[in-house]
Amino acid sequence: MVRPSCEGSYQVGIEPKRESAASLSGRAIVTIIGSDRVGIIAGISNVMADANVNILDISQSVIRDFFTMIMMVDIHGSSVTLEEISSRLSRKGEELGVRVEIHREEIFKAMHRI
């Protein structure tokens, strides 16, 4: 494989680093943002429990009528794929009137790596 380097020359045989399944942490970050209402935490937590996802940590706040929550979850023992968890969370979010996203922990670490 030939890839351009930063200086404009080309490097031969260098493959992009890919995370192997063994190197993945099994953790993911879930963000929830929207208008505050009764049942948001319960609804999201039920989706996690139904998928056998363990909630490791939660930080949530309500500023006036605006609800925000960040969760760190362990998806290692999940009974479904990350894509299916994401789909279920999105559907529940629509039902609750909030936006829900989930991303592997490695994505966040990679964004802050120099």
PDB file of N, CA and C in Angstrom:
ATOM      1  N   MET A   1       0.839  -1.172   0.000  1.00  0.00           N
ATOM      2  CA  MET A   1       0.000   0.000   0.000  1.00  0.00           C
ATOM      3  C   MET A   1       0.887   1.238   0.000  1.00  0.00           C
ATOM      4  N   VAL A   2       0.534   2.255  -0.773  1.00  0.00           N
ATOM      5  CA  VAL A   2       1.286   3.506  -0.840  1.00  0.00           C
ATOM      6  C   VAL A   2       0.408   4.607  -0.288  1.00  0.00           C
ATOM      7  N   ARG A   3       0.946   5.345   0.701  1.00  0.00           N
ATOM      8  CA  ARG A   3       0.184   6.429   1.336  1.00  0.00           C
ATOM      9  C   ARG A   3       1.014   7.694   1.344  1.00  0.00           C
ATOM     10  N   PRO A   4       0.381   8.865   1.114  1.00  0.00           N
ATOM     11  CA  PRO A   4       1.143  10.112   1.183  1.00  0.00           C
ATOM     12  C   PRO A   4       1.539  10.410   2.618  1.00  0.00           C
ATOM     13  N   SER A   5       2.753  10.943   2.802  1.00  0.00           N
ATOM     14  CA  SER A   5       3.186  11.358   4.132  1.00  0.00           C
ATOM     15  C   SER A   5       2.838  12.827   4.309  1.00  0.00           C
ATOM     16  N   CYS A   6       3.122  13.368   5.492  1.00  0.00           N
ATOM     17  CA  CYS A   6       2.824  14.762   5.792  1.00  0.00           C
ATOM     18  C   CYS A   6       3.620  15.713   4.912  1.00  0.00           C
ATOM     19  N   GLU A   7       4.819  15.323   4.501  1.00  0.00           N
ATOM     20  CA  GLU A   7       5.685  16.208   3.712  1.00  0.00           C
ATOM     21  C   GLU A   7       5.384  16.132   2.220  1.00  0.00           C
ATOM     22  N   GLY A   8       4.418  15.380   1.796  1.00  0.00           N
ATOM     23  CA  GLY A   8       4.081  15.283   0.393  1.00  0.00           C
ATOM     24  C   GLY A   8       4.749  14.105  -0.306  1.00  0.00           C
ATOM     25  N   SER A   9       5.718  13.445   0.337  1.00  0.00           N
ATOM     26  CA  SER A   9       6.318  12.257  -0.261  1.00  0.00           C
ATOM     27  C   SER A   9       5.420  11.063   0.033  1.00  0.00           C
ATOM     28  N   TYR A  10       5.792   9.907  -0.478  1.00  0.00           N
ATOM     29  CA  TYR A  10       4.963   8.725  -0.281  1.00  0.00           C
ATOM     30  C   TYR A  10       5.702   7.675   0.524  1.00  0.00           C
ATOM     31  N   GLN A  11       4.949   7.031   1.420  1.00  0.00           N
ATOM     32  CA  GLN A  11       5.500   5.954   2.231  1.00  0.00           C
ATOM     33  C   GLN A  11       4.892   4.649   1.749  1.00  0.00           C
ATOM     34  N   VAL A  12       5.711   3.656   1.582  1.00  0.00           N
ATOM     35  CA  VAL A  12       5.249   2.370   1.068  1.00  0.00           C
ATOM     36  C   VAL A  12       5.115   1.378   2.206  1.00  0.00           C
ATOM     37  N   GLY A  13       4.025   0.620   2.202  1.00  0.00           N
ATOM     38  CA  GLY A  13       3.865  -0.484   3.140  1.00  0.00           C
ATOM     39  C   GLY A  13       3.366  -0.096   4.515  1.00  0.00           C
ATOM     40  N   ILE A  14       2.930   1.125   4.724  1.00  0.00           N
ATOM     41  CA  ILE A  14       2.447   1.534   6.043  1.00  0.00           C
ATOM     42  C   ILE A  14       0.935   1.482   6.039  1.00  0.00           C
ATOM     43  N   GLU A  15       0.403   0.639   6.867  1.00  0.00           N
ATOM     44  CA  GLU A  15      -1.043   0.471   6.984  1.00  0.00           C
ATOM     45  C   GLU A  15      -1.557   1.325   8.134  1.00  0.00           C
ATOM     46  N   PRO A  16      -2.775   1.855   8.033  1.00  0.00           N
ATOM     47  CA  PRO A  16      -3.331   2.584   9.166  1.00  0.00           C
ATOM     48  C   PRO A  16      -3.548   1.645  10.343  1.00  0.00           C
ATOM     49  N   LYS A  17      -3.349   2.159  11.545  1.00  0.00           N
ATOM     50  CA  LYS A  17      -3.529   1.337  12.747  1.00  0.00           C
ATOM     51  C   LYS A  17      -5.012   1.059  12.945  1.00  0.00           C
ATOM     52  N   ARG A  18      -5.350  -0.199  13.139  1.00  0.00           N
ATOM     53  CA  ARG A  18      -6.727  -0.591  13.402  1.00  0.00           C
ATOM     54  C   ARG A  18      -6.776  -1.243  14.768  1.00  0.00           C
ATOM     55  N   GLU A  19      -7.844  -0.973  15.489  1.00  0.00           N
ATOM     56  CA  GLU A  19      -8.033  -1.592  16.795  1.00  0.00           C
ATOM     57  C   GLU A  19      -8.485  -3.036  16.613  1.00  0.00           C
ATOM     58  N   SER A  20      -7.807  -3.952  17.233  1.00  0.00           N
ATOM     59  CA  SER A  20      -8.259  -5.345  17.190  1.00  0.00           C
ATOM     60  C   SER A  20      -9.349  -5.524  18.231  1.00  0.00           C
ATOM     61  N   ALA A  21     -10.127  -6.564  18.078  1.00  0.00           N
ATOM     62  CA  ALA A  21     -11.204  -6.830  19.032  1.00  0.00           C
ATOM     63  C   ALA A  21     -10.647  -6.989  20.436  1.00  0.00           C
ATOM     64  N   ALA A  22      -9.461  -7.556  20.557  1.00  0.00           N
ATOM     65  CA  ALA A  22      -8.859  -7.772  21.871  1.00  0.00           C
ATOM     66  C   ALA A  22      -8.445  -6.464  22.531  1.00  0.00           C
ATOM     67  N   SER A  23      -8.130  -5.426  21.732  1.00  0.00           N
ATOM     68  CA  SER A  23      -7.665  -4.169  22.319  1.00  0.00           C
ATOM     69  C   SER A  23      -8.805  -3.208  22.654  1.00  0.00           C
ATOM     70  N   LEU A  24     -10.039  -3.519  22.259  1.00  0.00           N
ATOM     71  CA  LEU A  24     -11.162  -2.645  22.564  1.00  0.00           C
ATOM     72  C   LEU A  24     -11.525  -2.766  24.041  1.00  0.00           C
ATOM     73  N   SER A  25     -11.847  -1.637  24.652  1.00  0.00           N
ATOM     74  CA  SER A  25     -12.095  -1.612  26.097  1.00  0.00           C
ATOM     75  C   SER A  25     -13.426  -2.250  26.481  1.00  0.00           C
ATOM     76  N   GLY A  26     -14.381  -2.245  25.579  1.00  0.00           N
ATOM     77  CA  GLY A  26     -15.715  -2.735  25.935  1.00  0.00           C
ATOM     78  C   GLY A  26     -16.571  -1.658  26.553  1.00  0.00           C
ATOM     79  N   ARG A  27     -16.028  -0.433  26.645  1.00  0.00           N
ATOM     80  CA  ARG A  27     -16.794   0.677  27.215  1.00  0.00           C
ATOM     81  C   ARG A  27     -17.259   1.611  26.108  1.00  0.00           C
ATOM     82  N   ALA A  28     -18.366   2.303  26.386  1.00  0.00           N
ATOM     83  CA  ALA A  28     -18.906   3.270  25.439  1.00  0.00           C
ATOM     84  C   ALA A  28     -19.434   4.470  26.216  1.00  0.00           C
ATOM     85  N   ILE A  29     -19.537   5.585  25.509  1.00  0.00           N
ATOM     86  CA  ILE A  29     -20.061   6.820  26.085  1.00  0.00           C
ATOM     87  C   ILE A  29     -21.421   7.090  25.455  1.00  0.00           C
ATOM     88  N   VAL A  30     -22.412   7.351  26.301  1.00  0.00           N
ATOM     89  CA  VAL A  30     -23.768   7.664  25.851  1.00  0.00           C
ATOM     90  C   VAL A  30     -24.061   9.105  26.239  1.00  0.00           C
ATOM     91  N   THR A  31     -24.554   9.896  25.286  1.00  0.00           N
ATOM     92  CA  THR A  31     -24.947  11.271  25.588  1.00  0.00           C
ATOM     93  C   THR A  31     -26.434  11.431  25.316  1.00  0.00           C
ATOM     94  N   ILE A  32     -27.096  12.155  26.206  1.00  0.00           N
ATOM     95  CA  ILE A  32     -28.530  12.406  26.090  1.00  0.00           C
ATOM     96  C   ILE A  32     -28.738  13.898  26.291  1.00  0.00           C
ATOM     97  N   ILE A  33     -29.427  14.535  25.352  1.00  0.00           N
ATOM     98  CA  ILE A  33     -29.682  15.973  25.430  1.00  0.00           C
ATOM     99  C   ILE A  33     -31.119  16.233  24.990  1.00  0.00           C
ATOM    100  N   GLY A  34     -31.803  17.101  25.725  1.00  0.00           N
ATOM    101  CA  GLY A  34     -33.160  17.470  25.318  1.00  0.00           C
ATOM    102  C   GLY A  34     -33.906  18.177  26.415  1.00  0.00           C
ATOM    103  N   SER A  35     -35.189  18.356  26.210  1.00  0.00           N
ATOM    104  CA  SER A  35     -36.053  18.994  27.199  1.00  0.00           C
ATOM    105  C   SER A  35     -36.297  18.029  28.355  1.00  0.00           C
ATOM    106  N   ASP A  36     -36.268  18.567  29.566  1.00  0.00           N
ATOM    107  CA  ASP A  36     -36.456  17.731  30.746  1.00  0.00           C
ATOM    108  C   ASP A  36     -37.900  17.257  30.836  1.00  0.00           C
ATOM    109  N   ARG A  37     -38.060  16.022  31.271  1.00  0.00           N
ATOM    110  CA  ARG A  37     -39.378  15.442  31.523  1.00  0.00           C
ATOM    111  C   ARG A  37     -39.203  14.206  32.390  1.00  0.00           C
ATOM    112  N   VAL A  38     -40.254  13.758  32.971  1.00  0.00           N
ATOM    113  CA  VAL A  38     -40.243  12.568  33.814  1.00  0.00           C
ATOM    114  C   VAL A  38     -39.948  11.345  32.954  1.00  0.00           C
ATOM    115  N   GLY A  39     -39.059  10.467  33.431  1.00  0.00           N
ATOM    116  CA  GLY A  39     -38.843   9.170  32.812  1.00  0.00           C
ATOM    117  C   GLY A  39     -37.659   9.030  31.885  1.00  0.00           C
ATOM    118  N   ILE A  40     -36.871  10.102  31.687  1.00  0.00           N
ATOM    119  CA  ILE A  40     -35.736   9.986  30.759  1.00  0.00           C
ATOM    120  C   ILE A  40     -34.717   8.974  31.265  1.00  0.00           C
ATOM    121  N   ILE A  41     -34.274   9.134  32.501  1.00  0.00           N
ATOM    122  CA  ILE A  41     -33.258   8.222  33.043  1.00  0.00           C
ATOM    123  C   ILE A  41     -33.794   6.792  33.085  1.00  0.00           C
ATOM    124  N   ALA A  42     -35.039   6.632  33.517  1.00  0.00           N
ATOM    125  CA  ALA A  42     -35.637   5.294  33.582  1.00  0.00           C
ATOM    126  C   ALA A  42     -35.734   4.670  32.188  1.00  0.00           C
ATOM    127  N   GLY A  43     -36.156   5.434  31.196  1.00  0.00           N
ATOM    128  CA  GLY A  43     -36.302   4.912  29.841  1.00  0.00           C
ATOM    129  C   GLY A  43     -34.981   4.468  29.238  1.00  0.00           C
ATOM    130  N   ILE A  44     -33.956   5.307  29.382  1.00  0.00           N
ATOM    131  CA  ILE A  44     -32.640   4.971  28.841  1.00  0.00           C
ATOM    132  C   ILE A  44     -32.044   3.785  29.605  1.00  0.00           C
ATOM    133  N   SER A  45     -32.190   3.787  30.919  1.00  0.00           N
ATOM    134  CA  SER A  45     -31.664   2.687  31.741  1.00  0.00           C
ATOM    135  C   SER A  45     -32.330   1.359  31.390  1.00  0.00           C
ATOM    136  N   ASN A  46     -33.619   1.389  31.100  1.00  0.00           N
ATOM    137  CA  ASN A  46     -34.322   0.158  30.713  1.00  0.00           C
ATOM    138  C   ASN A  46     -33.801  -0.391  29.391  1.00  0.00           C
ATOM    139  N   VAL A  47     -33.493   0.489  28.437  1.00  0.00           N
ATOM    140  CA  VAL A  47     -32.918   0.039  27.160  1.00  0.00           C
ATOM    141  C   VAL A  47     -31.591  -0.660  27.434  1.00  0.00           C
ATOM    142  N   MET A  48     -30.784  -0.056  28.313  1.00  0.00           N
ATOM    143  CA  MET A  48     -29.481  -0.649  28.650  1.00  0.00           C
ATOM    144  C   MET A  48     -29.656  -2.009  29.312  1.00  0.00           C
ATOM    145  N   ALA A  49     -30.547  -2.095  30.268  1.00  0.00           N
ATOM    146  CA  ALA A  49     -30.767  -3.355  30.979  1.00  0.00           C
ATOM    147  C   ALA A  49     -31.266  -4.442  30.037  1.00  0.00           C
ATOM    148  N   ASP A  50     -32.177  -4.093  29.131  1.00  0.00           N
ATOM    149  CA  ASP A  50     -32.711  -5.070  28.177  1.00  0.00           C
ATOM    150  C   ASP A  50     -31.622  -5.627  27.263  1.00  0.00           C
ATOM    151  N   ALA A  51     -30.556  -4.838  27.018  1.00  0.00           N
ATOM    152  CA  ALA A  51     -29.453  -5.283  26.162  1.00  0.00           C
ATOM    153  C   ALA A  51     -28.294  -5.862  26.971  1.00  0.00           C
ATOM    154  N   ASN A  52     -28.490  -6.017  28.280  1.00  0.00           N
ATOM    155  CA  ASN A  52     -27.447  -6.519  29.180  1.00  0.00           C
ATOM    156  C   ASN A  52     -26.202  -5.630  29.168  1.00  0.00           C
ATOM    157  N   VAL A  53     -26.430  -4.313  29.147  1.00  0.00           N
ATOM    158  CA  VAL A  53     -25.364  -3.313  29.189  1.00  0.00           C
ATOM    159  C   VAL A  53     -25.293  -2.773  30.615  1.00  0.00           C
ATOM    160  N   ASN A  54     -24.091  -2.792  31.198  1.00  0.00           N
ATOM    161  CA  ASN A  54     -23.894  -2.321  32.561  1.00  0.00           C
ATOM    162  C   ASN A  54     -23.568  -0.828  32.560  1.00  0.00           C
ATOM    163  N   ILE A  55     -24.277  -0.055  33.364  1.00  0.00           N
ATOM    164  CA  ILE A  55     -24.004   1.373  33.506  1.00  0.00           C
ATOM    165  C   ILE A  55     -22.916   1.529  34.560  1.00  0.00           C
ATOM    166  N   LEU A  56     -21.782   2.113  34.163  1.00  0.00           N
ATOM    167  CA  LEU A  56     -20.637   2.275  35.055  1.00  0.00           C
ATOM    168  C   LEU A  56     -20.654   3.610  35.789  1.00  0.00           C
ATOM    169  N   ASP A  57     -21.097   4.661  35.108  1.00  0.00           N
ATOM    170  CA  ASP A  57     -21.085   6.002  35.705  1.00  0.00           C
ATOM    171  C   ASP A  57     -22.109   6.869  34.986  1.00  0.00           C
ATOM    172  N   ILE A  58     -22.709   7.796  35.721  1.00  0.00           N
ATOM    173  CA  ILE A  58     -23.691   8.726  35.158  1.00  0.00           C
ATOM    174  C   ILE A  58     -23.411  10.116  35.694  1.00  0.00           C
ATOM    175  N   SER A  59     -23.469  11.093  34.810  1.00  0.00           N
ATOM    176  CA  SER A  59     -23.444  12.493  35.203  1.00  0.00           C
ATOM    177  C   SER A  59     -24.608  13.159  34.485  1.00  0.00           C
ATOM    178  N   GLN A  60     -25.484  13.792  35.233  1.00  0.00           N
ATOM    179  CA  GLN A  60     -26.628  14.437  34.603  1.00  0.00           C
ATOM    180  C   GLN A  60     -26.921  15.767  35.276  1.00  0.00           C
ATOM    181  N   SER A  61     -27.482  16.674  34.509  1.00  0.00           N
ATOM    182  CA  SER A  61     -27.881  17.959  35.077  1.00  0.00           C
ATOM    183  C   SER A  61     -29.070  18.508  34.306  1.00  0.00           C
ATOM    184  N   VAL A  62     -29.800  19.356  34.983  1.00  0.00           N
ATOM    185  CA  VAL A  62     -30.923  20.065  34.374  1.00  0.00           C
ATOM    186  C   VAL A  62     -30.667  21.544  34.598  1.00  0.00           C
ATOM    187  N   ILE A  63     -30.585  22.276  33.505  1.00  0.00           N
ATOM    188  CA  ILE A  63     -30.420  23.726  33.575  1.00  0.00           C
ATOM    189  C   ILE A  63     -31.685  24.315  32.981  1.00  0.00           C
ATOM    190  N   ARG A  64     -32.458  24.955  33.859  1.00  0.00           N
ATOM    191  CA  ARG A  64     -33.807  25.405  33.511  1.00  0.00           C
ATOM    192  C   ARG A  64     -34.592  24.210  33.014  1.00  0.00           C
ATOM    193  N   ASP A  65     -35.003  24.180  31.769  1.00  0.00           N
ATOM    194  CA  ASP A  65     -35.765  23.036  31.258  1.00  0.00           C
ATOM    195  C   ASP A  65     -34.936  22.151  30.338  1.00  0.00           C
ATOM    196  N   PHE A  66     -33.612  22.327  30.356  1.00  0.00           N
ATOM    197  CA  PHE A  66     -32.735  21.599  29.439  1.00  0.00           C
ATOM    198  C   PHE A  66     -32.027  20.481  30.187  1.00  0.00           C
ATOM    199  N   PHE A  67     -32.206  19.242  29.718  1.00  0.00           N
ATOM    200  CA  PHE A  67     -31.661  18.051  30.357  1.00  0.00           C
ATOM    201  C   PHE A  67     -30.431  17.575  29.595  1.00  0.00           C
ATOM    202  N   THR A  68     -29.343  17.277  30.326  1.00  0.00           N
ATOM    203  CA  THR A  68     -28.155  16.664  29.709  1.00  0.00           C
ATOM    204  C   THR A  68     -27.694  15.510  30.593  1.00  0.00           C
ATOM    205  N   MET A  69     -27.222  14.454  29.961  1.00  0.00           N
ATOM    206  CA  MET A  69     -26.700  13.324  30.712  1.00  0.00           C
ATOM    207  C   MET A  69     -25.601  12.659  29.890  1.00  0.00           C
ATOM    208  N   ILE A  70     -24.544  12.249  30.587  1.00  0.00           N
ATOM    209  CA  ILE A  70     -23.471  11.467  29.984  1.00  0.00           C
ATOM    210  C   ILE A  70     -23.336  10.200  30.814  1.00  0.00           C
ATOM    211  N   MET A  71     -23.261   9.068  30.139  1.00  0.00           N
ATOM    212  CA  MET A  71     -23.106   7.786  30.816  1.00  0.00           C
ATOM    213  C   MET A  71     -21.888   7.070  30.256  1.00  0.00           C
ATOM    214  N   MET A  72     -21.143   6.411  31.123  1.00  0.00           N
ATOM    215  CA  MET A  72     -20.141   5.457  30.657  1.00  0.00           C
ATOM    216  C   MET A  72     -20.746   4.089  30.921  1.00  0.00           C
ATOM    217  N   VAL A  73     -20.754   3.257  29.879  1.00  0.00           N
ATOM    218  CA  VAL A  73     -21.368   1.939  29.992  1.00  0.00           C
ATOM    219  C   VAL A  73     -20.388   0.866  29.539  1.00  0.00           C
ATOM    220  N   ASP A  74     -20.609  -0.335  30.035  1.00  0.00           N
ATOM    221  CA  ASP A  74     -19.812  -1.496  29.645  1.00  0.00           C
ATOM    222  C   ASP A  74     -20.655  -2.330  28.692  1.00  0.00           C
ATOM    223  N   ILE A  75     -20.246  -2.391  27.421  1.00  0.00           N
ATOM    224  CA  ILE A  75     -20.996  -3.133  26.411  1.00  0.00           C
ATOM    225  C   ILE A  75     -20.401  -4.517  26.146  1.00  0.00           C
ATOM    226  N   HIS A  76     -19.352  -4.854  26.903  1.00  0.00           N
ATOM    227  CA  HIS A  76     -18.643  -6.121  26.690  1.00  0.00           C
ATOM    228  C   HIS A  76     -19.580  -7.329  26.758  1.00  0.00           C
ATOM    229  N   GLY A  77     -20.485  -7.352  27.708  1.00  0.00           N
ATOM    230  CA  GLY A  77     -21.380  -8.499  27.873  1.00  0.00           C
ATOM    231  C   GLY A  77     -22.740  -8.314  27.227  1.00  0.00           C
ATOM    232  N   SER A  78     -22.855  -7.334  26.345  1.00  0.00           N
ATOM    233  CA  SER A  78     -24.138  -7.044  25.728  1.00  0.00           C
ATOM    234  C   SER A  78     -24.666  -8.225  24.930  1.00  0.00           C
ATOM    235  N   SER A  79     -25.974  -8.359  24.944  1.00  0.00           N
ATOM    236  CA  SER A  79     -26.626  -9.430  24.197  1.00  0.00           C
ATOM    237  C   SER A  79     -26.883  -9.045  22.742  1.00  0.00           C
ATOM    238  N   VAL A  80     -26.579  -7.780  22.371  1.00  0.00           N
ATOM    239  CA  VAL A  80     -26.781  -7.299  20.994  1.00  0.00           C
ATOM    240  C   VAL A  80     -25.574  -6.471  20.569  1.00  0.00           C
ATOM    241  N   THR A  81     -25.498  -6.144  19.288  1.00  0.00           N
ATOM    242  CA  THR A  81     -24.386  -5.351  18.763  1.00  0.00           C
ATOM    243  C   THR A  81     -24.501  -3.884  19.183  1.00  0.00           C
ATOM    244  N   LEU A  82     -23.394  -3.164  19.071  1.00  0.00           N
ATOM    245  CA  LEU A  82     -23.398  -1.726  19.352  1.00  0.00           C
ATOM    246  C   LEU A  82     -24.379  -1.006  18.430  1.00  0.00           C
ATOM    247  N   GLU A  83     -24.451  -1.419  17.187  1.00  0.00           N
ATOM    248  CA  GLU A  83     -25.371  -0.803  16.234  1.00  0.00           C
ATOM    249  C   GLU A  83     -26.825  -0.991  16.676  1.00  0.00           C
ATOM    250  N   GLU A  84     -27.143  -2.167  17.195  1.00  0.00           N
ATOM    251  CA  GLU A  84     -28.504  -2.419  17.672  1.00  0.00           C
ATOM    252  C   GLU A  84     -28.797  -1.599  18.925  1.00  0.00           C
ATOM    253  N   ILE A  85     -27.833  -1.489  19.824  1.00  0.00           N
ATOM    254  CA  ILE A  85     -28.015  -0.643  21.019  1.00  0.00           C
ATOM    255  C   ILE A  85     -28.281   0.791  20.576  1.00  0.00           C
ATOM    256  N   SER A  86     -27.495   1.285  19.633  1.00  0.00           N
ATOM    257  CA  SER A  86     -27.657   2.638  19.121  1.00  0.00           C
ATOM    258  C   SER A  86     -29.052   2.848  18.544  1.00  0.00           C
ATOM    259  N   SER A  87     -29.516   1.886  17.776  1.00  0.00           N
ATOM    260  CA  SER A  87     -30.851   1.965  17.178  1.00  0.00           C
ATOM    261  C   SER A  87     -31.942   1.997  18.248  1.00  0.00           C
ATOM    262  N   ARG A  88     -31.813   1.147  19.246  1.00  0.00           N
ATOM    263  CA  ARG A  88     -32.802   1.110  20.338  1.00  0.00           C
ATOM    264  C   ARG A  88     -32.794   2.417  21.129  1.00  0.00           C
ATOM    265  N   LEU A  89     -31.588   2.943  21.384  1.00  0.00           N
ATOM    266  CA  LEU A  89     -31.490   4.205  22.121  1.00  0.00           C
ATOM    267  C   LEU A  89     -32.102   5.354  21.319  1.00  0.00           C
ATOM    268  N   SER A  90     -31.867   5.376  20.027  1.00  0.00           N
ATOM    269  CA  SER A  90     -32.444   6.422  19.177  1.00  0.00           C
ATOM    270  C   SER A  90     -33.963   6.381  19.195  1.00  0.00           C
ATOM    271  N   ARG A  91     -34.520   5.167  19.087  1.00  0.00           N
ATOM    272  CA  ARG A  91     -35.983   5.034  19.134  1.00  0.00           C
ATOM    273  C   ARG A  91     -36.539   5.500  20.477  1.00  0.00           C
ATOM    274  N   LYS A  92     -35.871   5.096  21.565  1.00  0.00           N
ATOM    275  CA  LYS A  92     -36.330   5.514  22.897  1.00  0.00           C
ATOM    276  C   LYS A  92     -36.196   7.022  23.042  1.00  0.00           C
ATOM    277  N   GLY A  93     -35.097   7.588  22.523  1.00  0.00           N
ATOM    278  CA  GLY A  93     -34.905   9.024  22.565  1.00  0.00           C
ATOM    279  C   GLY A  93     -36.019   9.777  21.859  1.00  0.00           C
ATOM    280  N   GLU A  94     -36.422   9.304  20.675  1.00  0.00           N
ATOM    281  CA  GLU A  94     -37.539   9.924  19.952  1.00  0.00           C
ATOM    282  C   GLU A  94     -38.807   9.878  20.776  1.00  0.00           C
ATOM    283  N   GLU A  95     -39.035   8.742  21.403  1.00  0.00           N
ATOM    284  CA  GLU A  95     -40.218   8.565  22.257  1.00  0.00           C
ATOM    285  C   GLU A  95     -40.208   9.538  23.436  1.00  0.00           C
ATOM    286  N   LEU A  96     -39.022   9.785  23.988  1.00  0.00           N
ATOM    287  CA  LEU A  96     -38.882  10.656  25.158  1.00  0.00           C
ATOM    288  C   LEU A  96     -38.647  12.122  24.798  1.00  0.00           C
ATOM    289  N   GLY A  97     -38.427  12.408  23.522  1.00  0.00           N
ATOM    290  CA  GLY A  97     -38.178  13.780  23.092  1.00  0.00           C
ATOM    291  C   GLY A  97     -36.766  14.262  23.367  1.00  0.00           C
ATOM    292  N   VAL A  98     -35.789  13.337  23.368  1.00  0.00           N
ATOM    293  CA  VAL A  98     -34.384  13.693  23.585  1.00  0.00           C
ATOM    294  C   VAL A  98     -33.536  13.070  22.475  1.00  0.00           C
ATOM    295  N   ARG A  99     -32.325  13.595  22.326  1.00  0.00           N
ATOM    296  CA  ARG A  99     -31.376  13.034  21.359  1.00  0.00           C
ATOM    297  C   ARG A  99     -30.395  12.156  22.117  1.00  0.00           C
ATOM    298  N   VAL A 100     -30.221  10.928  21.660  1.00  0.00           N
ATOM    299  CA  VAL A 100     -29.342   9.970  22.326  1.00  0.00           C
ATOM    300  C   VAL A 100     -28.314   9.458  21.328  1.00  0.00           C
ATOM    301  N   GLU A 101     -27.037   9.466  21.725  1.00  0.00           N
ATOM    302  CA  GLU A 101     -25.965   8.923  20.891  1.00  0.00           C
ATOM    303  C   GLU A 101     -25.070   8.039  21.748  1.00  0.00           C
ATOM    304  N   ILE A 102     -24.497   7.017  21.119  1.00  0.00           N
ATOM    305  CA  ILE A 102     -23.547   6.135  21.796  1.00  0.00           C
ATOM    306  C   ILE A 102     -22.345   5.927  20.884  1.00  0.00           C
ATOM    307  N   HIS A 103     -21.145   6.009  21.478  1.00  0.00           N
ATOM    308  CA  HIS A 103     -19.899   5.807  20.739  1.00  0.00           C
ATOM    309  C   HIS A 103     -18.933   5.033  21.623  1.00  0.00           C
ATOM    310  N   ARG A 104     -18.113   4.195  21.008  1.00  0.00           N
ATOM    311  CA  ARG A 104     -17.079   3.477  21.752  1.00  0.00           C
ATOM    312  C   ARG A 104     -16.136   4.464  22.426  1.00  0.00           C
ATOM    313  N   GLU A 105     -15.635   4.090  23.569  1.00  0.00           N
ATOM    314  CA  GLU A 105     -14.691   4.922  24.319  1.00  0.00           C
ATOM    315  C   GLU A 105     -13.461   5.254  23.469  1.00  0.00           C
ATOM    316  N   GLU A 106     -13.008   4.317  22.655  1.00  0.00           N
ATOM    317  CA  GLU A 106     -11.813   4.525  21.829  1.00  0.00           C
ATOM    318  C   GLU A 106     -11.967   5.699  20.862  1.00  0.00           C
ATOM    319  N   ILE A 107     -13.181   5.953  20.405  1.00  0.00           N
ATOM    320  CA  ILE A 107     -13.422   7.097  19.511  1.00  0.00           C
ATOM    321  C   ILE A 107     -13.077   8.396  20.231  1.00  0.00           C
ATOM    322  N   PHE A 108     -13.510   8.527  21.483  1.00  0.00           N
ATOM    323  CA  PHE A 108     -13.224   9.738  22.244  1.00  0.00           C
ATOM    324  C   PHE A 108     -11.738   9.878  22.543  1.00  0.00           C
ATOM    325  N   LYS A 109     -11.090   8.766  22.865  1.00  0.00           N
ATOM    326  CA  LYS A 109      -9.651   8.817  23.119  1.00  0.00           C
ATOM    327  C   LYS A 109      -8.884   9.223  21.858  1.00  0.00           C
ATOM    328  N   ALA A 110      -9.288   8.698  20.717  1.00  0.00           N
ATOM    329  CA  ALA A 110      -8.605   9.009  19.461  1.00  0.00           C
ATOM    330  C   ALA A 110      -8.771  10.481  19.087  1.00  0.00           C
ATOM    331  N   MET A 111      -9.902  11.070  19.397  1.00  0.00           N
ATOM    332  CA  MET A 111     -10.134  12.473  19.067  1.00  0.00           C
ATOM    333  C   MET A 111      -9.212  13.395  19.846  1.00  0.00           C
ATOM    334  N   HIS A 112      -8.728  12.963  21.000  1.00  0.00           N
ATOM    335  CA  HIS A 112      -7.891  13.820  21.852  1.00  0.00           C
ATOM    336  C   HIS A 112      -6.433  13.433  21.831  1.00  0.00           C
ATOM    337  N   ARG A 113      -6.067  12.486  20.989  1.00  0.00           N
ATOM    338  CA  ARG A 113      -4.680  12.068  20.865  1.00  0.00           C
ATOM    339  C   ARG A 113      -3.941  13.010  19.929  1.00  0.00           C
ATOM    340  N   ILE A 114      -2.712  13.365  20.278  1.00  0.00           N
ATOM    341  CA  ILE A 114      -1.919  14.275  19.430  1.00  0.00           C
ATOM    342  C   ILE A 114      -1.199  13.484  18.383  1.00  0.00           C
TER     343      ILE A 114
END
